[in-house]
């Protein structure tokens, strides 16, 4: 089954990504219909750095497709992802809420990464300071100073709680995506 999403329409172009998990090296064809007419097409083969972190292949599954000048909104458009082996699927168009969640998660991830780098730098500095003390004293020290030991324990606790938090976010995001697919599939099949 093909995966993908249309992220935005900006400056006359549609941006998004599409991916075939059954054939990760395939670059999916994107077809844009306005009503029954094909108005643009392209290939999802652009590298986007956030895709590998999200488990989307090697990251070269984004697309950017120029629209005809008379189209300036999603009204009347259907964006299809096509694979020779896996068929085709209509791509979901991200809502404002989807984009806001992506933005917040990106900010959070960046801040979290910056905090981990800062903590690592502090620990490296402590390690250097501790090594210098060992060289001066020249007597082997059996255990870490209490200050360093306490900091390491606090860091370990914080990292474990952050891991749990990320697992919960991942699980919630996966459940929301599954619910969205089920709703869309039901509407697509004409059940609702």
N, C-alpha and C. Protein backbone atom coordinates (compact mmCIF):
# COMPACT_ATOMS: atom_id res chain seq x y z
N UNK A 1 0.84 -1.18 0.00
CA UNK A 1 0.00 0.00 0.00
C UNK A 1 0.88 1.24 0.00
N UNK A 2 0.55 2.19 -0.84
CA UNK A 2 1.32 3.42 -0.95
C UNK A 2 1.00 4.34 0.22
N UNK A 3 2.02 5.07 0.66
CA UNK A 3 1.86 6.05 1.72
C UNK A 3 2.22 7.41 1.16
N UNK A 4 1.67 8.46 1.76
CA UNK A 4 2.05 9.80 1.33
C UNK A 4 1.12 10.86 1.87
N UNK A 5 1.52 12.09 1.62
CA UNK A 5 0.71 13.21 2.07
C UNK A 5 1.06 14.44 1.24
N UNK A 6 0.06 15.26 0.99
CA UNK A 6 0.26 16.55 0.35
C UNK A 6 0.40 17.55 1.48
N UNK A 7 1.56 18.23 1.54
CA UNK A 7 1.82 19.13 2.65
C UNK A 7 1.26 20.54 2.43
N UNK A 8 1.44 21.07 1.22
CA UNK A 8 0.94 22.43 1.00
C UNK A 8 0.93 22.78 -0.48
N UNK A 9 0.18 23.84 -0.78
CA UNK A 9 0.18 24.44 -2.10
C UNK A 9 0.70 25.86 -1.87
N UNK A 10 1.84 26.17 -2.48
CA UNK A 10 2.48 27.45 -2.22
C UNK A 10 3.20 27.91 -3.48
N UNK A 11 3.03 29.17 -3.82
CA UNK A 11 3.70 29.76 -5.00
C UNK A 11 3.46 28.95 -6.26
N UNK A 12 2.24 28.46 -6.44
CA UNK A 12 1.88 27.72 -7.64
C UNK A 12 2.40 26.31 -7.71
N UNK A 13 2.91 25.79 -6.59
CA UNK A 13 3.44 24.42 -6.57
C UNK A 13 2.80 23.63 -5.44
N UNK A 14 2.67 22.33 -5.67
CA UNK A 14 2.19 21.41 -4.64
C UNK A 14 3.39 20.65 -4.11
N UNK A 15 3.50 20.62 -2.77
CA UNK A 15 4.60 19.95 -2.09
C UNK A 15 4.05 18.79 -1.27
N UNK A 16 4.82 17.71 -1.17
CA UNK A 16 4.42 16.58 -0.35
C UNK A 16 5.43 15.45 -0.48
N UNK A 17 4.98 14.26 -0.12
CA UNK A 17 5.82 13.08 -0.24
C UNK A 17 4.94 11.87 -0.52
N UNK A 18 5.54 10.85 -1.16
CA UNK A 18 4.85 9.59 -1.43
C UNK A 18 5.89 8.49 -1.43
N UNK A 19 5.48 7.32 -0.91
CA UNK A 19 6.44 6.25 -0.66
C UNK A 19 5.76 4.90 -0.78
N UNK A 20 6.48 3.95 -1.35
CA UNK A 20 5.98 2.58 -1.46
C UNK A 20 6.80 1.70 -0.51
N UNK A 21 6.29 1.38 0.69
CA UNK A 21 7.06 0.58 1.63
C UNK A 21 7.36 -0.84 1.13
N UNK A 22 6.57 -1.33 0.18
CA UNK A 22 6.82 -2.66 -0.39
C UNK A 22 7.99 -2.65 -1.38
N UNK A 23 8.33 -1.45 -1.88
CA UNK A 23 9.44 -1.30 -2.83
C UNK A 23 10.12 0.04 -2.52
N UNK A 24 10.92 0.11 -1.45
CA UNK A 24 11.49 1.37 -0.98
C UNK A 24 12.33 2.14 -2.00
N UNK A 25 12.90 1.46 -3.00
CA UNK A 25 13.72 2.17 -3.98
C UNK A 25 12.88 2.80 -5.10
N UNK A 26 11.60 2.45 -5.17
CA UNK A 26 10.73 3.00 -6.21
C UNK A 26 10.42 4.46 -5.93
N UNK A 27 10.41 5.26 -6.99
CA UNK A 27 9.98 6.65 -6.87
C UNK A 27 8.60 6.75 -7.52
N UNK A 28 7.64 7.00 -6.66
CA UNK A 28 6.23 6.98 -7.03
C UNK A 28 5.89 8.16 -7.95
N UNK A 29 5.03 7.90 -8.92
CA UNK A 29 4.56 8.93 -9.84
C UNK A 29 3.38 9.66 -9.18
N UNK A 30 3.37 10.97 -9.30
CA UNK A 30 2.29 11.79 -8.74
C UNK A 30 1.51 12.39 -9.91
N UNK A 31 0.19 12.24 -9.84
CA UNK A 31 -0.69 12.77 -10.88
C UNK A 31 -1.69 13.70 -10.20
N UNK A 32 -1.86 14.89 -10.75
CA UNK A 32 -2.79 15.86 -10.18
C UNK A 32 -3.94 16.06 -11.15
N UNK A 33 -5.14 15.75 -10.64
CA UNK A 33 -6.35 15.90 -11.45
C UNK A 33 -7.15 17.10 -10.97
N UNK A 34 -7.70 17.82 -11.92
CA UNK A 34 -8.67 18.86 -11.61
C UNK A 34 -9.97 18.38 -12.26
N UNK A 35 -10.86 17.88 -11.41
CA UNK A 35 -12.04 17.19 -11.95
C UNK A 35 -11.56 15.90 -12.60
N UNK A 36 -11.93 15.69 -13.87
CA UNK A 36 -11.52 14.49 -14.60
C UNK A 36 -10.27 14.70 -15.44
N UNK A 37 -9.74 15.91 -15.44
CA UNK A 37 -8.60 16.23 -16.30
C UNK A 37 -7.28 16.21 -15.52
N UNK A 38 -6.27 15.56 -16.10
CA UNK A 38 -4.92 15.58 -15.51
C UNK A 38 -4.30 16.93 -15.86
N UNK A 39 -3.92 17.70 -14.81
CA UNK A 39 -3.37 19.05 -15.04
C UNK A 39 -1.87 19.14 -14.76
N UNK A 40 -1.33 18.16 -14.04
CA UNK A 40 0.11 18.17 -13.77
C UNK A 40 0.53 16.79 -13.27
N UNK A 41 1.82 16.53 -13.39
CA UNK A 41 2.34 15.26 -12.86
C UNK A 41 3.82 15.44 -12.54
N UNK A 42 4.34 14.49 -11.81
CA UNK A 42 5.74 14.52 -11.43
C UNK A 42 6.12 13.22 -10.75
N UNK A 43 7.31 13.20 -10.19
CA UNK A 43 7.82 12.00 -9.53
C UNK A 43 8.28 12.39 -8.12
N UNK A 44 7.97 11.53 -7.16
CA UNK A 44 8.39 11.77 -5.77
C UNK A 44 9.83 11.25 -5.62
N UNK A 45 10.79 12.10 -6.00
CA UNK A 45 12.20 11.68 -5.97
C UNK A 45 13.13 12.77 -5.41
N UNK A 46 12.56 13.74 -4.71
CA UNK A 46 13.36 14.83 -4.15
C UNK A 46 13.77 14.46 -2.72
N UNK A 47 15.01 14.75 -2.38
CA UNK A 47 15.51 14.47 -1.03
C UNK A 47 14.95 15.49 -0.05
N UNK A 48 14.44 14.98 1.06
CA UNK A 48 13.93 15.84 2.14
C UNK A 48 14.47 15.27 3.45
N UNK A 49 15.23 16.06 4.22
CA UNK A 49 15.94 15.54 5.39
C UNK A 49 15.06 14.95 6.49
N UNK A 50 13.82 15.37 6.60
CA UNK A 50 12.97 14.87 7.69
C UNK A 50 12.38 13.50 7.39
N UNK A 51 12.39 13.06 6.15
CA UNK A 51 11.75 11.79 5.80
C UNK A 51 12.43 10.56 6.38
N UNK A 52 13.76 10.43 6.34
CA UNK A 52 14.37 9.22 6.93
C UNK A 52 14.06 9.09 8.43
N UNK A 53 14.06 10.23 9.14
CA UNK A 53 13.74 10.19 10.57
C UNK A 53 12.32 9.68 10.82
N UNK A 54 11.45 9.89 9.84
CA UNK A 54 10.06 9.44 9.96
C UNK A 54 9.88 8.02 9.40
N UNK A 55 10.99 7.39 8.98
CA UNK A 55 10.90 6.03 8.46
C UNK A 55 10.48 5.95 7.01
N UNK A 56 10.66 7.07 6.28
CA UNK A 56 10.28 7.11 4.87
C UNK A 56 11.53 6.91 4.01
N UNK A 57 11.92 5.66 3.87
CA UNK A 57 13.04 5.30 3.02
C UNK A 57 14.32 6.05 3.33
N UNK A 58 15.06 6.36 2.26
CA UNK A 58 16.32 7.10 2.39
C UNK A 58 16.10 8.60 2.33
N UNK A 59 14.85 9.03 2.25
CA UNK A 59 14.55 10.46 2.26
C UNK A 59 14.33 11.06 0.89
N UNK A 60 14.49 10.27 -0.17
CA UNK A 60 14.33 10.82 -1.52
C UNK A 60 12.95 10.49 -2.10
N UNK A 61 11.92 10.85 -1.33
CA UNK A 61 10.55 10.53 -1.75
C UNK A 61 9.62 11.75 -1.66
N UNK A 62 10.20 12.94 -1.70
CA UNK A 62 9.38 14.16 -1.68
C UNK A 62 9.07 14.58 -3.11
N UNK A 63 8.06 15.41 -3.25
CA UNK A 63 7.75 15.94 -4.58
C UNK A 63 7.40 17.42 -4.49
N UNK A 64 7.60 18.07 -5.62
CA UNK A 64 7.29 19.50 -5.80
C UNK A 64 6.81 19.61 -7.24
N UNK A 65 5.53 19.91 -7.41
CA UNK A 65 4.96 19.88 -8.76
C UNK A 65 4.33 21.23 -9.08
N UNK A 66 4.75 21.80 -10.20
CA UNK A 66 4.24 23.08 -10.67
C UNK A 66 2.83 22.90 -11.24
N UNK A 67 1.92 23.77 -10.79
CA UNK A 67 0.53 23.73 -11.27
C UNK A 67 0.33 24.76 -12.38
N UNK A 68 -0.70 24.55 -13.19
CA UNK A 68 -1.03 25.58 -14.17
C UNK A 68 -1.39 26.89 -13.45
N UNK A 69 -1.15 28.03 -14.08
CA UNK A 69 -1.36 29.31 -13.41
C UNK A 69 -2.81 29.57 -12.96
N UNK A 70 -3.78 28.92 -13.59
CA UNK A 70 -5.19 29.17 -13.23
C UNK A 70 -5.62 28.41 -11.97
N UNK A 71 -4.76 27.57 -11.38
CA UNK A 71 -5.10 26.81 -10.17
C UNK A 71 -4.34 27.40 -8.99
N UNK A 72 -5.09 27.87 -7.99
CA UNK A 72 -4.44 28.52 -6.85
C UNK A 72 -4.91 27.96 -5.51
N UNK A 73 -5.74 26.90 -5.55
CA UNK A 73 -6.19 26.27 -4.30
C UNK A 73 -6.39 24.78 -4.55
N UNK A 74 -6.66 24.07 -3.46
CA UNK A 74 -6.90 22.64 -3.57
C UNK A 74 -8.32 22.32 -4.07
N UNK A 75 -9.17 23.33 -4.16
CA UNK A 75 -10.56 23.12 -4.56
C UNK A 75 -10.62 22.41 -5.92
N UNK A 76 -11.26 21.24 -5.94
CA UNK A 76 -11.43 20.48 -7.17
C UNK A 76 -10.25 19.59 -7.54
N UNK A 77 -9.19 19.61 -6.74
CA UNK A 77 -8.00 18.81 -7.06
C UNK A 77 -8.04 17.46 -6.35
N UNK A 78 -7.52 16.46 -7.04
CA UNK A 78 -7.26 15.15 -6.46
C UNK A 78 -5.80 14.83 -6.79
N UNK A 79 -5.03 14.52 -5.76
CA UNK A 79 -3.62 14.21 -5.97
C UNK A 79 -3.45 12.71 -5.77
N UNK A 80 -3.00 12.04 -6.82
CA UNK A 80 -2.88 10.58 -6.82
C UNK A 80 -1.41 10.18 -6.82
N UNK A 81 -1.09 9.15 -6.02
CA UNK A 81 0.23 8.51 -6.06
C UNK A 81 0.05 7.21 -6.82
N UNK A 82 0.96 6.94 -7.77
CA UNK A 82 0.83 5.78 -8.65
C UNK A 82 2.09 4.94 -8.64
N UNK A 83 1.90 3.63 -8.54
CA UNK A 83 3.01 2.68 -8.60
C UNK A 83 2.65 1.59 -9.61
N UNK A 84 3.63 1.17 -10.39
CA UNK A 84 3.35 0.12 -11.37
C UNK A 84 2.94 -1.18 -10.69
N UNK A 85 3.56 -1.47 -9.54
CA UNK A 85 3.27 -2.73 -8.85
C UNK A 85 2.14 -2.63 -7.84
N UNK A 86 2.02 -1.48 -7.18
CA UNK A 86 1.08 -1.38 -6.05
C UNK A 86 -0.18 -0.59 -6.36
N UNK A 87 -0.38 -0.20 -7.61
CA UNK A 87 -1.60 0.53 -7.95
C UNK A 87 -1.51 2.00 -7.63
N UNK A 88 -2.63 2.59 -7.28
CA UNK A 88 -2.65 4.02 -6.98
C UNK A 88 -3.54 4.30 -5.78
N UNK A 89 -3.27 5.46 -5.18
CA UNK A 89 -4.03 5.88 -4.01
C UNK A 89 -4.10 7.41 -4.02
N UNK A 90 -5.25 7.92 -3.58
CA UNK A 90 -5.40 9.37 -3.43
C UNK A 90 -4.65 9.80 -2.17
N UNK A 91 -3.83 10.83 -2.30
CA UNK A 91 -3.06 11.31 -1.15
C UNK A 91 -3.91 12.27 -0.31
N UNK A 92 -3.74 12.15 0.98
CA UNK A 92 -4.43 13.04 1.91
C UNK A 92 -3.77 14.41 1.85
N UNK A 93 -4.57 15.45 1.89
CA UNK A 93 -4.08 16.82 1.93
C UNK A 93 -4.02 17.24 3.39
N UNK A 94 -2.83 17.67 3.82
CA UNK A 94 -2.64 18.05 5.22
C UNK A 94 -3.54 19.23 5.58
N UNK A 95 -4.14 19.14 6.75
CA UNK A 95 -4.95 20.24 7.25
C UNK A 95 -4.05 21.24 7.97
N UNK A 96 -4.61 22.38 8.33
CA UNK A 96 -3.84 23.36 9.11
C UNK A 96 -3.40 22.75 10.43
N UNK A 97 -4.26 21.93 11.04
CA UNK A 97 -3.90 21.27 12.29
C UNK A 97 -2.72 20.32 12.09
N UNK A 98 -2.73 19.56 10.98
CA UNK A 98 -1.61 18.66 10.68
C UNK A 98 -0.31 19.45 10.58
N UNK A 99 -0.36 20.57 9.85
CA UNK A 99 0.85 21.38 9.67
C UNK A 99 1.31 21.97 11.00
N UNK A 100 0.38 22.38 11.84
CA UNK A 100 0.73 22.96 13.15
C UNK A 100 1.37 21.88 14.05
N UNK A 101 0.82 20.67 14.03
CA UNK A 101 1.40 19.57 14.81
C UNK A 101 2.81 19.27 14.31
N UNK A 102 3.01 19.24 12.98
CA UNK A 102 4.34 19.00 12.42
C UNK A 102 5.32 20.08 12.88
N UNK A 103 4.85 21.33 12.85
CA UNK A 103 5.71 22.45 13.26
C UNK A 103 6.08 22.35 14.74
N UNK A 104 5.09 22.06 15.59
CA UNK A 104 5.36 21.94 17.02
C UNK A 104 6.30 20.77 17.31
N UNK A 105 6.07 19.65 16.64
CA UNK A 105 6.92 18.49 16.85
C UNK A 105 8.34 18.77 16.40
N UNK A 106 8.48 19.50 15.30
CA UNK A 106 9.80 19.87 14.79
C UNK A 106 10.53 20.77 15.79
N UNK A 107 9.81 21.75 16.33
CA UNK A 107 10.40 22.65 17.32
C UNK A 107 10.81 21.86 18.56
N UNK A 108 9.91 20.99 19.02
CA UNK A 108 10.20 20.18 20.20
C UNK A 108 11.42 19.31 19.96
N UNK A 109 11.47 18.64 18.80
CA UNK A 109 12.60 17.76 18.48
C UNK A 109 13.91 18.53 18.45
N UNK A 110 13.87 19.72 17.85
CA UNK A 110 15.09 20.55 17.78
C UNK A 110 15.53 20.94 19.18
N UNK A 111 14.59 21.40 20.02
CA UNK A 111 14.94 21.79 21.39
C UNK A 111 15.48 20.60 22.18
N UNK A 112 14.87 19.45 22.00
CA UNK A 112 15.30 18.24 22.70
C UNK A 112 16.71 17.85 22.26
N UNK A 113 16.95 17.91 20.96
CA UNK A 113 18.28 17.58 20.44
C UNK A 113 19.32 18.57 20.96
N UNK A 114 18.98 19.87 20.97
CA UNK A 114 19.90 20.88 21.50
C UNK A 114 20.21 20.63 22.97
N UNK A 115 19.19 20.25 23.73
CA UNK A 115 19.39 19.97 25.16
C UNK A 115 20.31 18.77 25.36
N UNK A 116 20.12 17.73 24.55
CA UNK A 116 20.99 16.55 24.67
C UNK A 116 22.44 16.90 24.32
N UNK A 117 22.64 17.73 23.31
CA UNK A 117 24.00 18.15 22.94
C UNK A 117 24.62 18.95 24.09
N UNK A 118 23.83 19.86 24.69
CA UNK A 118 24.34 20.66 25.81
C UNK A 118 24.72 19.76 26.99
N UNK A 119 23.88 18.77 27.28
CA UNK A 119 24.18 17.85 28.38
C UNK A 119 25.44 17.05 28.08
N UNK A 120 25.57 16.59 26.84
CA UNK A 120 26.76 15.84 26.45
C UNK A 120 28.00 16.72 26.61
N UNK A 121 27.92 17.98 26.19
CA UNK A 121 29.06 18.89 26.33
C UNK A 121 29.45 19.07 27.80
N UNK A 122 28.43 19.21 28.67
CA UNK A 122 28.71 19.36 30.10
C UNK A 122 29.37 18.10 30.66
N UNK A 123 28.87 16.94 30.26
CA UNK A 123 29.46 15.69 30.73
C UNK A 123 30.89 15.52 30.22
N UNK A 124 31.13 15.90 28.96
CA UNK A 124 32.48 15.83 28.43
C UNK A 124 33.42 16.74 29.21
N UNK A 125 32.94 17.94 29.54
CA UNK A 125 33.75 18.89 30.32
C UNK A 125 34.05 18.31 31.71
N UNK A 126 33.06 17.70 32.34
CA UNK A 126 33.27 17.08 33.64
C UNK A 126 34.27 15.93 33.54
N UNK A 127 34.17 15.16 32.48
CA UNK A 127 35.07 14.05 32.27
C UNK A 127 36.52 14.54 32.13
N UNK A 128 36.69 15.63 31.37
CA UNK A 128 38.03 16.21 31.19
C UNK A 128 38.55 16.70 32.53
N UNK A 129 37.70 17.40 33.28
CA UNK A 129 38.10 17.93 34.59
C UNK A 129 38.48 16.78 35.53
N UNK A 130 37.71 15.71 35.50
CA UNK A 130 37.97 14.55 36.33
C UNK A 130 39.28 13.88 35.93
N UNK A 131 39.53 13.76 34.61
CA UNK A 131 40.77 13.17 34.11
C UNK A 131 41.97 14.00 34.56
N UNK A 132 41.80 15.33 34.51
CA UNK A 132 42.89 16.21 34.95
C UNK A 132 43.20 16.00 36.43
N UNK A 133 42.16 15.80 37.25
CA UNK A 133 42.36 15.56 38.68
C UNK A 133 43.12 14.25 38.91
N UNK A 134 42.80 13.23 38.12
CA UNK A 134 43.49 11.94 38.25
C UNK A 134 44.97 12.08 37.91
N UNK A 135 45.28 12.89 36.87
CA UNK A 135 46.67 13.07 36.47
C UNK A 135 47.47 13.79 37.56
N UNK A 136 46.86 14.78 38.20
CA UNK A 136 47.55 15.53 39.24
C UNK A 136 47.81 14.66 40.45
N UNK A 137 46.79 13.93 40.86
CA UNK A 137 46.88 13.11 42.07
C UNK A 137 47.72 11.85 41.84
N UNK A 138 47.66 11.29 40.63
CA UNK A 138 48.36 10.07 40.22
C UNK A 138 48.03 8.85 41.07
N UNK A 139 46.99 8.93 41.85
CA UNK A 139 46.53 7.74 42.55
C UNK A 139 45.22 7.33 41.92
N UNK A 140 45.05 6.06 41.65
CA UNK A 140 43.82 5.64 40.98
C UNK A 140 42.59 5.92 41.83
N UNK A 141 41.59 6.44 41.19
CA UNK A 141 40.33 6.75 41.87
C UNK A 141 39.34 5.64 41.52
N UNK A 142 38.69 5.08 42.50
CA UNK A 142 37.81 3.94 42.29
C UNK A 142 36.40 4.34 41.87
N UNK A 143 35.95 5.50 42.30
CA UNK A 143 34.58 5.89 41.96
C UNK A 143 34.54 7.35 41.55
N UNK A 144 33.46 7.70 40.87
CA UNK A 144 33.27 9.08 40.43
C UNK A 144 32.99 9.99 41.62
N UNK A 145 33.39 11.26 41.51
CA UNK A 145 32.99 12.20 42.57
C UNK A 145 31.47 12.26 42.67
N UNK A 146 30.98 12.56 43.84
CA UNK A 146 29.53 12.54 44.09
C UNK A 146 28.78 13.50 43.16
N UNK A 147 29.38 14.66 42.87
CA UNK A 147 28.73 15.65 41.99
C UNK A 147 28.47 15.05 40.61
N UNK A 148 29.48 14.38 40.07
CA UNK A 148 29.34 13.78 38.73
C UNK A 148 28.37 12.62 38.78
N UNK A 149 28.47 11.79 39.78
CA UNK A 149 27.58 10.65 39.93
C UNK A 149 26.12 11.10 40.02
N UNK A 150 25.86 12.14 40.82
CA UNK A 150 24.49 12.67 40.93
C UNK A 150 23.98 13.20 39.59
N UNK A 151 24.84 13.93 38.89
CA UNK A 151 24.43 14.47 37.58
C UNK A 151 24.12 13.35 36.59
N UNK A 152 24.96 12.33 36.59
CA UNK A 152 24.71 11.20 35.69
C UNK A 152 23.41 10.49 36.03
N UNK A 153 23.13 10.32 37.31
CA UNK A 153 21.87 9.68 37.71
C UNK A 153 20.67 10.51 37.28
N UNK A 154 20.75 11.82 37.49
CA UNK A 154 19.64 12.70 37.07
C UNK A 154 19.46 12.68 35.56
N UNK A 155 20.59 12.69 34.84
CA UNK A 155 20.53 12.63 33.38
C UNK A 155 19.89 11.33 32.91
N UNK A 156 20.27 10.22 33.52
CA UNK A 156 19.70 8.92 33.15
C UNK A 156 18.19 8.90 33.38
N UNK A 157 17.75 9.43 34.50
CA UNK A 157 16.31 9.48 34.81
C UNK A 157 15.57 10.34 33.78
N UNK A 158 16.15 11.50 33.45
CA UNK A 158 15.51 12.40 32.48
C UNK A 158 15.44 11.75 31.10
N UNK A 159 16.51 11.07 30.71
CA UNK A 159 16.51 10.43 29.39
C UNK A 159 15.50 9.29 29.33
N UNK A 160 15.37 8.52 30.42
CA UNK A 160 14.39 7.44 30.44
C UNK A 160 12.98 7.99 30.34
N UNK A 161 12.69 9.08 31.04
CA UNK A 161 11.34 9.65 30.97
C UNK A 161 11.09 10.25 29.59
N UNK A 162 12.12 10.84 28.97
CA UNK A 162 11.96 11.38 27.62
C UNK A 162 11.70 10.25 26.63
N UNK A 163 12.37 9.12 26.79
CA UNK A 163 12.14 7.96 25.91
C UNK A 163 10.70 7.50 25.99
N UNK A 164 10.18 7.41 27.22
CA UNK A 164 8.79 7.00 27.41
C UNK A 164 7.86 8.00 26.72
N UNK A 165 8.18 9.29 26.87
CA UNK A 165 7.37 10.34 26.24
C UNK A 165 7.36 10.18 24.72
N UNK A 166 8.54 9.94 24.12
CA UNK A 166 8.61 9.77 22.67
C UNK A 166 7.87 8.52 22.21
N UNK A 167 7.95 7.45 22.97
CA UNK A 167 7.22 6.23 22.61
C UNK A 167 5.72 6.51 22.63
N UNK A 168 5.27 7.25 23.63
CA UNK A 168 3.84 7.59 23.69
C UNK A 168 3.43 8.46 22.53
N UNK A 169 4.25 9.45 22.17
CA UNK A 169 3.93 10.31 21.02
C UNK A 169 3.87 9.47 19.76
N UNK A 170 4.86 8.59 19.56
CA UNK A 170 4.88 7.72 18.38
C UNK A 170 3.62 6.87 18.30
N UNK A 171 3.24 6.28 19.44
CA UNK A 171 2.06 5.41 19.48
C UNK A 171 0.79 6.21 19.19
N UNK A 172 0.68 7.40 19.77
CA UNK A 172 -0.49 8.24 19.53
C UNK A 172 -0.56 8.66 18.07
N UNK A 173 0.57 9.06 17.50
CA UNK A 173 0.61 9.48 16.10
C UNK A 173 0.22 8.32 15.19
N UNK A 174 0.73 7.12 15.48
CA UNK A 174 0.39 5.95 14.68
C UNK A 174 -1.11 5.65 14.75
N UNK A 175 -1.69 5.73 15.97
CA UNK A 175 -3.12 5.46 16.12
C UNK A 175 -3.96 6.49 15.37
N UNK A 176 -3.56 7.77 15.46
CA UNK A 176 -4.29 8.82 14.76
C UNK A 176 -4.23 8.60 13.25
N UNK A 177 -3.05 8.22 12.76
CA UNK A 177 -2.91 7.96 11.32
C UNK A 177 -3.76 6.78 10.88
N UNK A 178 -3.81 5.73 11.69
CA UNK A 178 -4.64 4.56 11.36
C UNK A 178 -6.12 4.92 11.35
N UNK A 179 -6.56 5.70 12.34
CA UNK A 179 -7.96 6.13 12.38
C UNK A 179 -8.30 6.97 11.17
N UNK A 180 -7.38 7.87 10.79
CA UNK A 180 -7.60 8.72 9.62
C UNK A 180 -7.72 7.87 8.36
N UNK A 181 -6.84 6.86 8.22
CA UNK A 181 -6.90 5.98 7.05
C UNK A 181 -8.21 5.21 7.00
N UNK A 182 -8.66 4.71 8.16
CA UNK A 182 -9.91 3.95 8.21
C UNK A 182 -11.08 4.82 7.78
N UNK A 183 -11.11 6.06 8.31
CA UNK A 183 -12.20 6.97 7.94
C UNK A 183 -12.16 7.27 6.45
N UNK A 184 -10.96 7.53 5.93
CA UNK A 184 -10.84 7.86 4.51
C UNK A 184 -11.21 6.66 3.64
N UNK A 185 -10.76 5.47 4.05
CA UNK A 185 -11.06 4.25 3.30
C UNK A 185 -12.56 4.02 3.25
N UNK A 186 -13.25 4.23 4.37
CA UNK A 186 -14.70 4.02 4.40
C UNK A 186 -15.40 5.00 3.47
N UNK A 187 -14.95 6.27 3.52
CA UNK A 187 -15.57 7.25 2.64
C UNK A 187 -15.28 6.91 1.19
N UNK A 188 -14.05 6.46 0.90
CA UNK A 188 -13.64 6.13 -0.45
C UNK A 188 -14.47 4.98 -1.00
N UNK A 189 -14.76 4.00 -0.18
CA UNK A 189 -15.53 2.84 -0.62
C UNK A 189 -17.03 3.12 -0.65
N UNK A 190 -17.43 4.31 -0.26
CA UNK A 190 -18.84 4.69 -0.33
C UNK A 190 -19.67 4.19 0.82
N UNK A 191 -19.02 3.76 1.91
CA UNK A 191 -19.78 3.28 3.06
C UNK A 191 -20.42 4.46 3.79
N UNK A 192 -19.71 5.57 3.86
CA UNK A 192 -20.24 6.78 4.51
C UNK A 192 -20.32 7.91 3.54
